[in-house]
Amino acid sequence: MQYRTLGRTGVQVSSLALGAMNFGSIGRTTQEEVDAIVDAALESGINLIDTADIYGAGESEEMVGKALAGRRDDIVLATKAGMPMGDERNHRGSSRRWLVTELDNSLRRLGVDHVDLYQIHRWDPSTGDEETLSALTDLQRAGKIRYFGSSTFPAHRIVQAQWAAREHHLSRYVTEQPSYSILQRGIETHVLPVTGEYGLGVLVWSPLASGWLSGAIREGRAVTTSRSTFMPQRFDTAVPANRARLDAVEQLAAIADEAGLTMIQLALGFVAAHPAVTSALIGPRTPDHLRAQLAAADTVLSADVLDAIDAVVAPGTDLAPHEKFDTPPALLDASLRRR
């Protein structure tokens, strides 16, 4: 396992990190399986675990807490808040009112007195940066969080938040957690240059592109991945964007074969090769999934392989731009762009 410094914090984290979204009902993963996954991850050298309040409506945090009982100090523990936690309109977002309440809920579910990294799950256009940063700074000073970061923020919002922290003399976001894979490279255009400029640690999610790069999805095979059962539209090859992904996967599979690599090694090795990336979040549902992904822990892609990948999916290109989660609200809501 390789280790890298998380931004400018001085904290050393593994280049592969364990994402816990699939723990519980989402991935149909039992506590016994979660315990086995966490045990194997720690034994392999992974020292960063990332979860969120919304994963299974708190179930993931509870399962992570049980799996870590008695060894909290062995890992860098990260969670997130901001996505809706029920129908109540104020049980979401990044207001002080909600963050103070929901952090206590997360700490209770995790069974700890602090988290190392608390992340705002999505940019909240209804809440000002000063409001959010002030609340996070106070929670940090109270000892409930060590650092805080953003997740899936557009580049301009990352810049704005850094400016607001400086302007109002508040602590700043020290990490960003964007989606990044061979098939979704849009963040190379704006987000990664910005994180580099401000010295942010970068924890990337979905490096296997929701299973497209796992090796399980190939031409002529029925798509039977777990994700495809509840998001079938993302895997329907009659959709042009999905057809483009499948065509790219076939070309990437040939590159992997020639290099003597699995598709997982190619995908994770690609993400880890970018100098702005600190860790890639892997999200196994089973111990077998974890073992297949851990095989990429020491994968280093040659320049020839990276060039071949660039020829399949050009730098800065998203093959499925409609699946991005950082689209400015005005592009989604016509009322925001019309008088």
C-alpha atoms as a PDB file:
ATOM      1  CA  MET A   1       0.000   0.000   0.000  1.00  0.00           C
ATOM      2  CA  GLN A   2       1.200   3.493  -0.831  1.00  0.00           C
ATOM      3  CA  TYR A   3       0.611   6.469   1.482  1.00  0.00           C
ATOM      4  CA  ARG A   4       0.172  10.117   0.626  1.00  0.00           C
ATOM      5  CA  THR A   5      -0.265  13.326   2.578  1.00  0.00           C
ATOM      6  CA  LEU A   6      -3.870  14.485   2.770  1.00  0.00           C
ATOM      7  CA  GLY A   7      -3.582  17.971   1.306  1.00  0.00           C
ATOM      8  CA  ARG A   8      -1.581  20.162   3.666  1.00  0.00           C
ATOM      9  CA  THR A   9      -2.841  18.504   6.864  1.00  0.00           C
ATOM     10  CA  GLY A  10       0.222  16.347   7.441  1.00  0.00           C
ATOM     11  CA  VAL A  11      -2.048  13.303   7.855  1.00  0.00           C
ATOM     12  CA  GLN A  12      -0.840  10.236   5.964  1.00  0.00           C
ATOM     13  CA  VAL A  13      -3.564   8.219   4.226  1.00  0.00           C
ATOM     14  CA  SER A  14      -3.534   5.123   2.041  1.00  0.00           C
ATOM     15  CA  SER A  15      -3.801   5.516  -1.723  1.00  0.00           C
ATOM     16  CA  LEU A  16      -6.820   3.195  -1.619  1.00  0.00           C
ATOM     17  CA  ALA A  17      -9.517   4.130   0.892  1.00  0.00           C
ATOM     18  CA  LEU A  18     -12.527   2.113   1.974  1.00  0.00           C
ATOM     19  CA  GLY A  19     -15.861   3.623   0.966  1.00  0.00           C
ATOM     20  CA  ALA A  20     -18.806   2.342   2.996  1.00  0.00           C
ATOM     21  CA  MET A  21     -21.772   3.269   0.782  1.00  0.00           C
ATOM     22  CA  ASN A  22     -22.577  -0.391   0.089  1.00  0.00           C
ATOM     23  CA  PHE A  23     -22.663  -1.374   3.758  1.00  0.00           C
ATOM     24  CA  GLY A  24     -26.159  -2.409   4.810  1.00  0.00           C
ATOM     25  CA  SER A  25     -29.336  -2.315   2.760  1.00  0.00           C
ATOM     26  CA  ILE A  26     -27.869  -0.545  -0.295  1.00  0.00           C
ATOM     27  CA  GLY A  27     -25.409  -3.336  -0.998  1.00  0.00           C
ATOM     28  CA  ARG A  28     -27.299  -6.022   0.940  1.00  0.00           C
ATOM     29  CA  THR A  29     -24.196  -6.412   3.106  1.00  0.00           C
ATOM     30  CA  THR A  30     -24.499  -7.960   6.569  1.00  0.00           C
ATOM     31  CA  GLN A  31     -22.632  -6.864   9.690  1.00  0.00           C
ATOM     32  CA  GLU A  32     -20.570 -10.046   9.505  1.00  0.00           C
ATOM     33  CA  GLU A  33     -19.516  -9.192   5.957  1.00  0.00           C
ATOM     34  CA  VAL A  34     -18.776  -5.596   6.937  1.00  0.00           C
ATOM     35  CA  ASP A  35     -16.595  -6.819   9.815  1.00  0.00           C
ATOM     36  CA  ALA A  36     -14.691  -9.084   7.412  1.00  0.00           C
ATOM     37  CA  ILE A  37     -14.256  -6.285   4.845  1.00  0.00           C
ATOM     38  CA  VAL A  38     -13.011  -3.808   7.442  1.00  0.00           C
ATOM     39  CA  ASP A  39     -10.655  -6.404   8.958  1.00  0.00           C
ATOM     40  CA  ALA A  40      -9.163  -7.243   5.565  1.00  0.00           C
ATOM     41  CA  ALA A  41      -8.906  -3.572   4.586  1.00  0.00           C
ATOM     42  CA  LEU A  42      -6.994  -2.662   7.739  1.00  0.00           C
ATOM     43  CA  GLU A  43      -4.725  -5.689   7.382  1.00  0.00           C
ATOM     44  CA  SER A  44      -3.903  -4.621   3.815  1.00  0.00           C
ATOM     45  CA  GLY A  45      -2.787  -1.185   5.005  1.00  0.00           C
ATOM     46  CA  ILE A  46      -5.908   0.868   4.256  1.00  0.00           C
ATOM     47  CA  ASN A  47      -6.200   3.494   6.979  1.00  0.00           C
ATOM     48  CA  LEU A  48      -9.023   5.742   5.697  1.00  0.00           C
ATOM     49  CA  ILE A  49     -12.708   4.785   5.893  1.00  0.00           C
ATOM     50  CA  ASP A  50     -15.335   7.075   4.357  1.00  0.00           C
ATOM     51  CA  THR A  51     -19.067   6.895   5.007  1.00  0.00           C
ATOM     52  CA  ALA A  52     -22.033   9.310   5.128  1.00  0.00           C
ATOM     53  CA  ASP A  53     -25.215   9.855   7.101  1.00  0.00           C
ATOM     54  CA  ILE A  54     -27.406   9.203   4.050  1.00  0.00           C
ATOM     55  CA  TYR A  55     -25.947   5.763   3.285  1.00  0.00           C
ATOM     56  CA  GLY A  56     -28.769   3.479   4.335  1.00  0.00           C
ATOM     57  CA  ALA A  57     -30.270   6.354   6.358  1.00  0.00           C
ATOM     58  CA  GLY A  58     -27.516   6.009   8.950  1.00  0.00           C
ATOM     59  CA  GLU A  59     -27.136   2.236   8.684  1.00  0.00           C
ATOM     60  CA  SER A  60     -23.672   2.426   7.130  1.00  0.00           C
ATOM     61  CA  GLU A  61     -22.369   4.644   9.940  1.00  0.00           C
ATOM     62  CA  GLU A  62     -23.739   2.232  12.529  1.00  0.00           C
ATOM     63  CA  MET A  63     -22.108  -0.759  10.848  1.00  0.00           C
ATOM     64  CA  VAL A  64     -18.777   1.032  10.467  1.00  0.00           C
ATOM     65  CA  GLY A  65     -18.897   1.979  14.137  1.00  0.00           C
ATOM     66  CA  LYS A  66     -19.450  -1.633  15.189  1.00  0.00           C
ATOM     67  CA  ALA A  67     -16.687  -2.901  12.900  1.00  0.00           C
ATOM     68  CA  LEU A  68     -14.223  -0.372  14.341  1.00  0.00           C
ATOM     69  CA  ALA A  69     -15.047  -0.965  17.991  1.00  0.00           C
ATOM     70  CA  GLY A  70     -11.856  -0.921  20.038  1.00  0.00           C
ATOM     71  CA  ARG A  71      -9.599   0.342  17.257  1.00  0.00           C
ATOM     72  CA  ARG A  72     -10.889   3.822  16.461  1.00  0.00           C
ATOM     73  CA  ASP A  73      -7.410   5.322  16.700  1.00  0.00           C
ATOM     74  CA  ASP A  74      -6.083   3.005  13.975  1.00  0.00           C
ATOM     75  CA  ILE A  75      -7.901   4.760  11.149  1.00  0.00           C
ATOM     76  CA  VAL A  76      -8.722   8.134   9.655  1.00  0.00           C
ATOM     77  CA  LEU A  77     -12.514   8.237   9.901  1.00  0.00           C
ATOM     78  CA  ALA A  78     -14.525  10.373   7.487  1.00  0.00           C
ATOM     79  CA  THR A  79     -18.246  10.959   7.099  1.00  0.00           C
ATOM     80  CA  LYS A  80     -20.517  13.392   5.275  1.00  0.00           C
ATOM     81  CA  ALA A  81     -23.719  15.373   5.759  1.00  0.00           C
ATOM     82  CA  GLY A  82     -26.024  17.563   3.700  1.00  0.00           C
ATOM     83  CA  MET A  83     -28.188  15.172   1.722  1.00  0.00           C
ATOM     84  CA  PRO A  84     -31.864  14.812   2.784  1.00  0.00           C
ATOM     85  CA  MET A  85     -32.382  12.688   5.894  1.00  0.00           C
ATOM     86  CA  GLY A  86     -36.141  12.272   5.655  1.00  0.00           C
ATOM     87  CA  ASP A  87     -38.984  14.506   4.526  1.00  0.00           C
ATOM     88  CA  GLU A  88     -38.497  17.335   7.026  1.00  0.00           C
ATOM     89  CA  ARG A  89     -37.284  20.305   4.981  1.00  0.00           C
ATOM     90  CA  ASN A  90     -34.620  21.372   7.486  1.00  0.00           C
ATOM     91  CA  HIS A  91     -33.116  17.908   7.858  1.00  0.00           C
ATOM     92  CA  ARG A  92     -30.729  18.533   4.984  1.00  0.00           C
ATOM     93  CA  GLY A  93     -28.362  21.137   3.607  1.00  0.00           C
ATOM     94  CA  SER A  94     -25.421  22.880   5.243  1.00  0.00           C
ATOM     95  CA  SER A  95     -26.998  25.351   7.649  1.00  0.00           C
ATOM     96  CA  ARG A  96     -25.563  25.675  11.166  1.00  0.00           C
ATOM     97  CA  ARG A  97     -28.872  24.411  12.553  1.00  0.00           C
ATOM     98  CA  TRP A  98     -28.639  21.137  10.660  1.00  0.00           C
ATOM     99  CA  LEU A  99     -24.888  20.482  10.759  1.00  0.00           C
ATOM    100  CA  VAL A 100     -24.657  20.859  14.548  1.00  0.00           C
ATOM    101  CA  THR A 101     -27.561  18.453  14.989  1.00  0.00           C
ATOM    102  CA  GLU A 102     -26.549  15.926  12.363  1.00  0.00           C
ATOM    103  CA  LEU A 103     -22.912  15.695  13.428  1.00  0.00           C
ATOM    104  CA  ASP A 104     -24.086  14.601  16.873  1.00  0.00           C
ATOM    105  CA  ASN A 105     -26.307  12.022  15.184  1.00  0.00           C
ATOM    106  CA  SER A 106     -23.359  10.723  13.145  1.00  0.00           C
ATOM    107  CA  LEU A 107     -21.099  10.541  16.189  1.00  0.00           C
ATOM    108  CA  ARG A 108     -23.763   8.564  18.035  1.00  0.00           C
ATOM    109  CA  ARG A 109     -24.220   6.132  15.157  1.00  0.00           C
ATOM    110  CA  LEU A 110     -20.466   5.696  14.740  1.00  0.00           C
ATOM    111  CA  GLY A 111     -19.936   5.318  18.488  1.00  0.00           C
ATOM    112  CA  VAL A 112     -17.109   7.873  18.588  1.00  0.00           C
ATOM    113  CA  ASP A 113     -16.520  11.310  20.089  1.00  0.00           C
ATOM    114  CA  HIS A 114     -15.040  12.852  16.943  1.00  0.00           C
ATOM    115  CA  VAL A 115     -14.457  12.256  13.241  1.00  0.00           C
ATOM    116  CA  ASP A 116     -11.239  13.096  11.464  1.00  0.00           C
ATOM    117  CA  LEU A 117     -12.876  14.481   8.334  1.00  0.00           C
ATOM    118  CA  TYR A 118     -16.395  15.921   8.071  1.00  0.00           C
ATOM    119  CA  GLN A 119     -17.515  16.627   4.513  1.00  0.00           C
ATOM    120  CA  ILE A 120     -20.372  18.644   3.016  1.00  0.00           C
ATOM    121  CA  HIS A 121     -21.907  16.059   0.697  1.00  0.00           C
ATOM    122  CA  ARG A 122     -23.056  18.524  -1.973  1.00  0.00           C
ATOM    123  CA  TRP A 123     -22.905  22.278  -2.404  1.00  0.00           C
ATOM    124  CA  ASP A 124     -26.050  23.818  -0.897  1.00  0.00           C
ATOM    125  CA  PRO A 125     -27.057  26.845  -3.011  1.00  0.00           C
ATOM    126  CA  SER A 126     -29.498  28.025  -0.320  1.00  0.00           C
ATOM    127  CA  THR A 127     -26.817  28.453   2.356  1.00  0.00           C
ATOM    128  CA  GLY A 128     -24.021  31.013   2.321  1.00  0.00           C
ATOM    129  CA  ASP A 129     -20.403  29.937   2.655  1.00  0.00           C
ATOM    130  CA  GLU A 130     -19.897  32.021   5.803  1.00  0.00           C
ATOM    131  CA  GLU A 131     -22.800  30.249   7.537  1.00  0.00           C
ATOM    132  CA  THR A 132     -21.447  26.777   6.742  1.00  0.00           C
ATOM    133  CA  LEU A 133     -17.777  27.531   7.371  1.00  0.00           C
ATOM    134  CA  SER A 134     -18.557  29.277  10.652  1.00  0.00           C
ATOM    135  CA  ALA A 135     -20.489  26.242  11.910  1.00  0.00           C
ATOM    136  CA  LEU A 136     -17.761  23.850  10.799  1.00  0.00           C
ATOM    137  CA  THR A 137     -15.057  25.992  12.388  1.00  0.00           C
ATOM    138  CA  ASP A 138     -16.934  25.990  15.708  1.00  0.00           C
ATOM    139  CA  LEU A 139     -17.393  22.207  15.545  1.00  0.00           C
ATOM    140  CA  GLN A 140     -13.677  21.871  14.864  1.00  0.00           C
ATOM    141  CA  ARG A 141     -12.793  24.076  17.833  1.00  0.00           C
ATOM    142  CA  ALA A 142     -15.146  21.993  19.987  1.00  0.00           C
ATOM    143  CA  GLY A 143     -13.055  18.917  19.121  1.00  0.00           C
ATOM    144  CA  LYS A 144     -15.862  17.076  17.346  1.00  0.00           C
ATOM    145  CA  ILE A 145     -14.114  17.183  13.956  1.00  0.00           C
ATOM    146  CA  ARG A 146     -10.433  17.461  13.135  1.00  0.00           C
ATOM    147  CA  TYR A 147     -10.767  18.713   9.545  1.00  0.00           C
ATOM    148  CA  PHE A 148     -13.562  19.395   7.097  1.00  0.00           C
ATOM    149  CA  GLY A 149     -13.957  19.141   3.345  1.00  0.00           C
ATOM    150  CA  SER A 150     -16.343  19.367   0.414  1.00  0.00           C
ATOM    151  CA  SER A 151     -17.743  16.705  -1.885  1.00  0.00           C
ATOM    152  CA  THR A 152     -18.651  17.059  -5.552  1.00  0.00           C
ATOM    153  CA  PHE A 153     -18.399  20.853  -5.506  1.00  0.00           C
ATOM    154  CA  PRO A 154     -18.098  22.691  -8.836  1.00  0.00           C
ATOM    155  CA  ALA A 155     -14.701  24.323  -9.271  1.00  0.00           C
ATOM    156  CA  HIS A 156     -16.033  27.854  -8.858  1.00  0.00           C
ATOM    157  CA  ARG A 157     -17.659  26.923  -5.527  1.00  0.00           C
ATOM    158  CA  ILE A 158     -14.381  25.468  -4.265  1.00  0.00           C
ATOM    159  CA  VAL A 159     -12.709  28.785  -5.070  1.00  0.00           C
ATOM    160  CA  GLN A 160     -15.544  30.792  -3.499  1.00  0.00           C
ATOM    161  CA  ALA A 161     -15.372  28.779  -0.278  1.00  0.00           C
ATOM    162  CA  GLN A 162     -11.616  29.289  -0.026  1.00  0.00           C
ATOM    163  CA  TRP A 163     -12.096  33.025  -0.497  1.00  0.00           C
ATOM    164  CA  ALA A 164     -14.891  33.139   2.099  1.00  0.00           C
ATOM    165  CA  ALA A 165     -12.740  31.344   4.683  1.00  0.00           C
ATOM    166  CA  ARG A 166      -9.967  33.874   4.215  1.00  0.00           C
ATOM    167  CA  GLU A 167     -12.314  36.867   4.135  1.00  0.00           C
ATOM    168  CA  HIS A 168     -14.095  35.901   7.370  1.00  0.00           C
ATOM    169  CA  HIS A 169     -11.055  34.416   9.177  1.00  0.00           C
ATOM    170  CA  LEU A 170     -12.530  30.924   9.350  1.00  0.00           C
ATOM    171  CA  SER A 171     -11.062  27.471   8.911  1.00  0.00           C
ATOM    172  CA  ARG A 172     -11.201  26.212   5.332  1.00  0.00           C
ATOM    173  CA  TYR A 173     -12.062  23.078   3.445  1.00  0.00           C
ATOM    174  CA  VAL A 174      -8.930  20.937   3.236  1.00  0.00           C
ATOM    175  CA  THR A 175     -10.281  18.207   0.941  1.00  0.00           C
ATOM    176  CA  GLU A 176     -12.576  17.711  -2.034  1.00  0.00           C
ATOM    177  CA  GLN A 177     -14.285  14.429  -2.919  1.00  0.00           C
ATOM    178  CA  PRO A 178     -15.223  14.363  -6.632  1.00  0.00           C
ATOM    179  CA  SER A 179     -16.302  11.580  -8.983  1.00  0.00           C
ATOM    180  CA  TYR A 180     -13.412  10.498 -11.219  1.00  0.00           C
ATOM    181  CA  SER A 181     -12.714   7.568 -13.513  1.00  0.00           C
ATOM    182  CA  ILE A 182     -11.413   6.797 -16.979  1.00  0.00           C
ATOM    183  CA  LEU A 183     -14.956   7.247 -18.282  1.00  0.00           C
ATOM    184  CA  GLN A 184     -15.680  10.458 -16.360  1.00  0.00           C
ATOM    185  CA  ARG A 185     -12.658  12.769 -16.705  1.00  0.00           C
ATOM    186  CA  GLY A 186     -14.384  16.159 -16.642  1.00  0.00           C
ATOM    187  CA  ILE A 187     -12.831  17.189 -13.331  1.00  0.00           C
ATOM    188  CA  GLU A 188      -9.423  17.293 -15.039  1.00  0.00           C
ATOM    189  CA  THR A 189     -10.555  20.478 -16.786  1.00  0.00           C
ATOM    190  CA  HIS A 190     -11.446  22.659 -13.798  1.00  0.00           C
ATOM    191  CA  VAL A 191     -11.703  20.889 -10.434  1.00  0.00           C
ATOM    192  CA  LEU A 192      -8.286  19.229 -10.181  1.00  0.00           C
ATOM    193  CA  PRO A 193      -6.367  22.364 -11.229  1.00  0.00           C
ATOM    194  CA  VAL A 194      -8.239  24.255  -8.488  1.00  0.00           C
ATOM    195  CA  THR A 195      -7.601  21.633  -5.796  1.00  0.00           C
ATOM    196  CA  GLY A 196      -3.932  21.729  -6.740  1.00  0.00           C
ATOM    197  CA  GLU A 197      -3.854  25.522  -6.520  1.00  0.00           C
ATOM    198  CA  TYR A 198      -5.284  25.470  -2.984  1.00  0.00           C
ATOM    199  CA  GLY A 199      -3.458  22.392  -1.770  1.00  0.00           C
ATOM    200  CA  LEU A 200      -6.572  20.309  -1.152  1.00  0.00           C
ATOM    201  CA  GLY A 201      -6.468  16.582  -0.617  1.00  0.00           C
ATOM    202  CA  VAL A 202      -8.559  14.758  -3.230  1.00  0.00           C
ATOM    203  CA  LEU A 203     -10.518  11.596  -2.378  1.00  0.00           C
ATOM    204  CA  VAL A 204     -12.141  10.355  -5.573  1.00  0.00           C
ATOM    205  CA  TRP A 205     -15.317   8.297  -5.627  1.00  0.00           C
ATOM    206  CA  SER A 206     -16.589   5.862  -8.258  1.00  0.00           C
ATOM    207  CA  PRO A 207     -13.156   5.111  -9.795  1.00  0.00           C
ATOM    208  CA  LEU A 208     -14.733   1.966 -11.307  1.00  0.00           C
ATOM    209  CA  ALA A 209     -17.492   4.089 -12.878  1.00  0.00           C
ATOM    210  CA  SER A 210     -20.372   2.341 -11.066  1.00  0.00           C
ATOM    211  CA  GLY A 211     -19.068  -1.044 -12.196  1.00  0.00           C
ATOM    212  CA  TRP A 212     -18.458  -0.227 -15.858  1.00  0.00           C
ATOM    213  CA  LEU A 213     -14.712  -0.707 -15.258  1.00  0.00           C
ATOM    214  CA  SER A 214     -14.969  -3.732 -12.976  1.00  0.00           C
ATOM    215  CA  GLY A 215     -14.560  -6.258 -15.796  1.00  0.00           C
ATOM    216  CA  ALA A 216     -18.104  -7.539 -15.290  1.00  0.00           C
ATOM    217  CA  ILE A 217     -19.626  -5.431 -18.082  1.00  0.00           C
ATOM    218  CA  ARG A 218     -18.574  -6.498 -21.569  1.00  0.00           C
ATOM    219  CA  GLU A 219     -20.004  -6.675 -25.059  1.00  0.00           C
ATOM    220  CA  GLY A 220     -22.408  -9.573 -25.496  1.00  0.00           C
ATOM    221  CA  ARG A 221     -22.914 -10.167 -21.770  1.00  0.00           C
ATOM    222  CA  ALA A 222     -26.064  -9.456 -19.794  1.00  0.00           C
ATOM    223  CA  VAL A 223     -25.471  -6.683 -17.266  1.00  0.00           C
ATOM    224  CA  THR A 224     -26.127  -8.194 -13.840  1.00  0.00           C
ATOM    225  CA  THR A 225     -24.220  -5.898 -11.519  1.00  0.00           C
ATOM    226  CA  SER A 226     -25.814  -4.808  -8.246  1.00  0.00           C
ATOM    227  CA  ARG A 227     -25.980  -1.189  -9.387  1.00  0.00           C
ATOM    228  CA  SER A 228     -27.823  -2.106 -12.582  1.00  0.00           C
ATOM    229  CA  THR A 229     -30.713  -3.614 -10.627  1.00  0.00           C
ATOM    230  CA  PHE A 230     -31.787  -0.274  -9.160  1.00  0.00           C
ATOM    231  CA  MET A 231     -30.365   2.096 -11.807  1.00  0.00           C
ATOM    232  CA  PRO A 232     -31.169   0.224 -15.048  1.00  0.00           C
ATOM    233  CA  GLN A 233     -31.204   3.382 -17.169  1.00  0.00           C
ATOM    234  CA  ARG A 234     -27.481   3.835 -16.572  1.00  0.00           C
ATOM    235  CA  PHE A 235     -26.726   0.447 -18.108  1.00  0.00           C
ATOM    236  CA  ASP A 236     -29.193   0.294 -21.001  1.00  0.00           C
ATOM    237  CA  THR A 237     -26.895   0.026 -24.036  1.00  0.00           C
ATOM    238  CA  ALA A 238     -29.656   1.401 -26.276  1.00  0.00           C
ATOM    239  CA  VAL A 239     -28.875   4.772 -24.680  1.00  0.00           C
ATOM    240  CA  PRO A 240     -26.143   6.519 -26.743  1.00  0.00           C
ATOM    241  CA  ALA A 241     -24.046   7.502 -23.712  1.00  0.00           C
ATOM    242  CA  ASN A 242     -24.096   3.922 -22.451  1.00  0.00           C
ATOM    243  CA  ARG A 243     -23.217   2.612 -25.890  1.00  0.00           C
ATOM    244  CA  ALA A 244     -20.230   4.968 -25.918  1.00  0.00           C
ATOM    245  CA  ARG A 245     -19.165   3.667 -22.520  1.00  0.00           C
ATOM    246  CA  LEU A 246     -19.401   0.056 -23.632  1.00  0.00           C
ATOM    247  CA  ASP A 247     -17.361   0.798 -26.761  1.00  0.00           C
ATOM    248  CA  ALA A 248     -14.720   2.451 -24.584  1.00  0.00           C
ATOM    249  CA  VAL A 249     -14.725  -0.479 -22.150  1.00  0.00           C
ATOM    250  CA  GLU A 250     -13.973  -2.917 -24.981  1.00  0.00           C
ATOM    251  CA  GLN A 251     -10.988  -0.824 -26.076  1.00  0.00           C
ATOM    252  CA  LEU A 252      -9.795  -0.452 -22.487  1.00  0.00           C
ATOM    253  CA  ALA A 253     -10.081  -4.199 -21.933  1.00  0.00           C
ATOM    254  CA  ALA A 254      -7.683  -4.748 -24.837  1.00  0.00           C
ATOM    255  CA  ILE A 255      -5.234  -2.253 -23.298  1.00  0.00           C
ATOM    256  CA  ALA A 256      -5.464  -4.031 -19.938  1.00  0.00           C
ATOM    257  CA  ASP A 257      -4.913  -7.442 -21.524  1.00  0.00           C
ATOM    258  CA  GLU A 258      -1.842  -6.258 -23.410  1.00  0.00           C
ATOM    259  CA  ALA A 259      -0.405  -4.769 -20.202  1.00  0.00           C
ATOM    260  CA  GLY A 260      -1.136  -7.926 -18.206  1.00  0.00           C
ATOM    261  CA  LEU A 261      -3.595  -6.141 -15.940  1.00  0.00           C
ATOM    262  CA  THR A 262      -7.171  -6.658 -14.835  1.00  0.00           C
ATOM    263  CA  MET A 263      -9.703  -3.969 -15.670  1.00  0.00           C
ATOM    264  CA  ILE A 264      -9.806  -3.048 -11.981  1.00  0.00           C
ATOM    265  CA  GLN A 265      -6.040  -2.588 -11.897  1.00  0.00           C
ATOM    266  CA  LEU A 266      -6.190  -0.442 -15.016  1.00  0.00           C
ATOM    267  CA  ALA A 267      -9.007   1.711 -13.619  1.00  0.00           C
ATOM    268  CA  LEU A 268      -7.533   2.239 -10.156  1.00  0.00           C
ATOM    269  CA  GLY A 269      -4.000   2.633 -11.491  1.00  0.00           C
ATOM    270  CA  PHE A 270      -5.238   5.373 -13.822  1.00  0.00           C
ATOM    271  CA  VAL A 271      -6.891   7.346 -11.016  1.00  0.00           C
ATOM    272  CA  ALA A 272      -3.891   6.978  -8.709  1.00  0.00           C
ATOM    273  CA  ALA A 273      -1.553   8.219 -11.440  1.00  0.00           C
ATOM    274  CA  HIS A 274      -2.963  11.747 -11.416  1.00  0.00           C
ATOM    275  CA  PRO A 275      -0.706  13.890  -9.198  1.00  0.00           C
ATOM    276  CA  ALA A 276      -3.691  15.768  -7.732  1.00  0.00           C
ATOM    277  CA  VAL A 277      -5.356  12.578  -6.419  1.00  0.00           C
ATOM    278  CA  THR A 278      -4.661  11.534  -2.839  1.00  0.00           C
ATOM    279  CA  SER A 279      -6.803   8.400  -2.506  1.00  0.00           C
ATOM    280  CA  ALA A 280      -9.269   6.386  -4.551  1.00  0.00           C
ATOM    281  CA  LEU A 281     -12.377   5.285  -2.672  1.00  0.00           C
ATOM    282  CA  ILE A 282     -13.248   1.655  -3.325  1.00  0.00           C
ATOM    283  CA  GLY A 283     -16.720   0.439  -2.332  1.00  0.00           C
ATOM    284  CA  PRO A 284     -16.750  -3.375  -2.105  1.00  0.00           C
ATOM    285  CA  ARG A 285     -19.956  -5.219  -1.276  1.00  0.00           C
ATOM    286  CA  THR A 286     -18.192  -8.477  -0.403  1.00  0.00           C
ATOM    287  CA  PRO A 287     -14.746  -9.614   0.807  1.00  0.00           C
ATOM    288  CA  ASP A 288     -14.135 -11.055  -2.683  1.00  0.00           C
ATOM    289  CA  HIS A 289     -14.771  -7.642  -4.233  1.00  0.00           C
ATOM    290  CA  LEU A 290     -12.295  -6.134  -1.793  1.00  0.00           C
ATOM    291  CA  ARG A 291      -9.593  -8.659  -2.636  1.00  0.00           C
ATOM    292  CA  ALA A 292      -9.959  -7.949  -6.360  1.00  0.00           C
ATOM    293  CA  GLN A 293      -9.617  -4.229  -5.719  1.00  0.00           C
ATOM    294  CA  LEU A 294      -6.698  -4.559  -3.309  1.00  0.00           C
ATOM    295  CA  ALA A 295      -4.763  -6.220  -6.124  1.00  0.00           C
ATOM    296  CA  ALA A 296      -4.445  -2.736  -7.614  1.00  0.00           C
ATOM    297  CA  ALA A 297      -2.831  -1.215  -4.510  1.00  0.00           C
ATOM    298  CA  ASP A 298       0.652  -1.207  -6.013  1.00  0.00           C
ATOM    299  CA  THR A 299      -0.301  -0.855  -9.685  1.00  0.00           C
ATOM    300  CA  VAL A 300       1.737   1.766 -11.539  1.00  0.00           C
ATOM    301  CA  LEU A 301       0.754   2.375 -15.149  1.00  0.00           C
ATOM    302  CA  SER A 302       3.438   3.069 -17.716  1.00  0.00           C
ATOM    303  CA  ALA A 303       3.406   6.188 -19.857  1.00  0.00           C
ATOM    304  CA  ASP A 304       2.482   4.044 -22.879  1.00  0.00           C
ATOM    305  CA  VAL A 305      -0.572   2.647 -21.104  1.00  0.00           C
ATOM    306  CA  LEU A 306      -1.666   6.102 -19.946  1.00  0.00           C
ATOM    307  CA  ASP A 307      -1.261   7.417 -23.500  1.00  0.00           C
ATOM    308  CA  ALA A 308      -3.357   4.540 -24.815  1.00  0.00           C
ATOM    309  CA  ILE A 309      -6.109   5.379 -22.310  1.00  0.00           C
ATOM    310  CA  ASP A 310      -6.013   9.024 -23.420  1.00  0.00           C
ATOM    311  CA  ALA A 311      -6.579   7.850 -27.000  1.00  0.00           C
ATOM    312  CA  VAL A 312      -9.778   6.059 -25.924  1.00  0.00           C
ATOM    313  CA  VAL A 313     -11.183   8.760 -23.623  1.00  0.00           C
ATOM    314  CA  ALA A 314      -9.623  12.164 -24.133  1.00  0.00           C
ATOM    315  CA  PRO A 315      -8.453  14.126 -21.061  1.00  0.00           C
ATOM    316  CA  GLY A 316     -11.205  16.255 -19.559  1.00  0.00           C
ATOM    317  CA  THR A 317     -13.997  14.253 -21.239  1.00  0.00           C
ATOM    318  CA  ASP A 318     -17.121  12.878 -19.539  1.00  0.00           C
ATOM    319  CA  LEU A 319     -18.729  10.070 -21.513  1.00  0.00           C
ATOM    320  CA  ALA A 320     -21.904  10.492 -19.460  1.00  0.00           C
ATOM    321  CA  PRO A 321     -22.096  14.215 -18.664  1.00  0.00           C
ATOM    322  CA  HIS A 322     -25.776  13.917 -17.729  1.00  0.00           C
ATOM    323  CA  GLU A 323     -24.747  11.910 -14.672  1.00  0.00           C
ATOM    324  CA  LYS A 324     -22.641  14.691 -13.204  1.00  0.00           C
ATOM    325  CA  PHE A 325     -23.625  15.895  -9.742  1.00  0.00           C
ATOM    326  CA  ASP A 326     -21.970  19.307  -9.861  1.00  0.00           C
ATOM    327  CA  THR A 327     -24.089  20.928 -12.577  1.00  0.00           C
ATOM    328  CA  PRO A 328     -24.911  24.563 -11.684  1.00  0.00           C
ATOM    329  CA  PRO A 329     -28.557  24.847 -10.540  1.00  0.00           C
ATOM    330  CA  ALA A 330     -29.356  27.379 -13.268  1.00  0.00           C
ATOM    331  CA  LEU A 331     -28.764  24.693 -15.897  1.00  0.00           C
ATOM    332  CA  LEU A 332     -31.280  22.394 -14.233  1.00  0.00           C
ATOM    333  CA  ASP A 333     -33.982  24.895 -13.263  1.00  0.00           C
ATOM    334  CA  ALA A 334     -35.198  27.179 -16.050  1.00  0.00           C
ATOM    335  CA  SER A 335     -36.609  29.696 -13.557  1.00  0.00           C
ATOM    336  CA  LEU A 336     -33.058  30.495 -12.448  1.00  0.00           C
ATOM    337  CA  ARG A 337     -31.940  31.588 -15.897  1.00  0.00           C
ATOM    338  CA  ARG A 338     -35.018  33.521 -17.022  1.00  0.00           C
ATOM    339  CA  ARG A 339     -36.443  36.829 -15.879  1.00  0.00           C
END
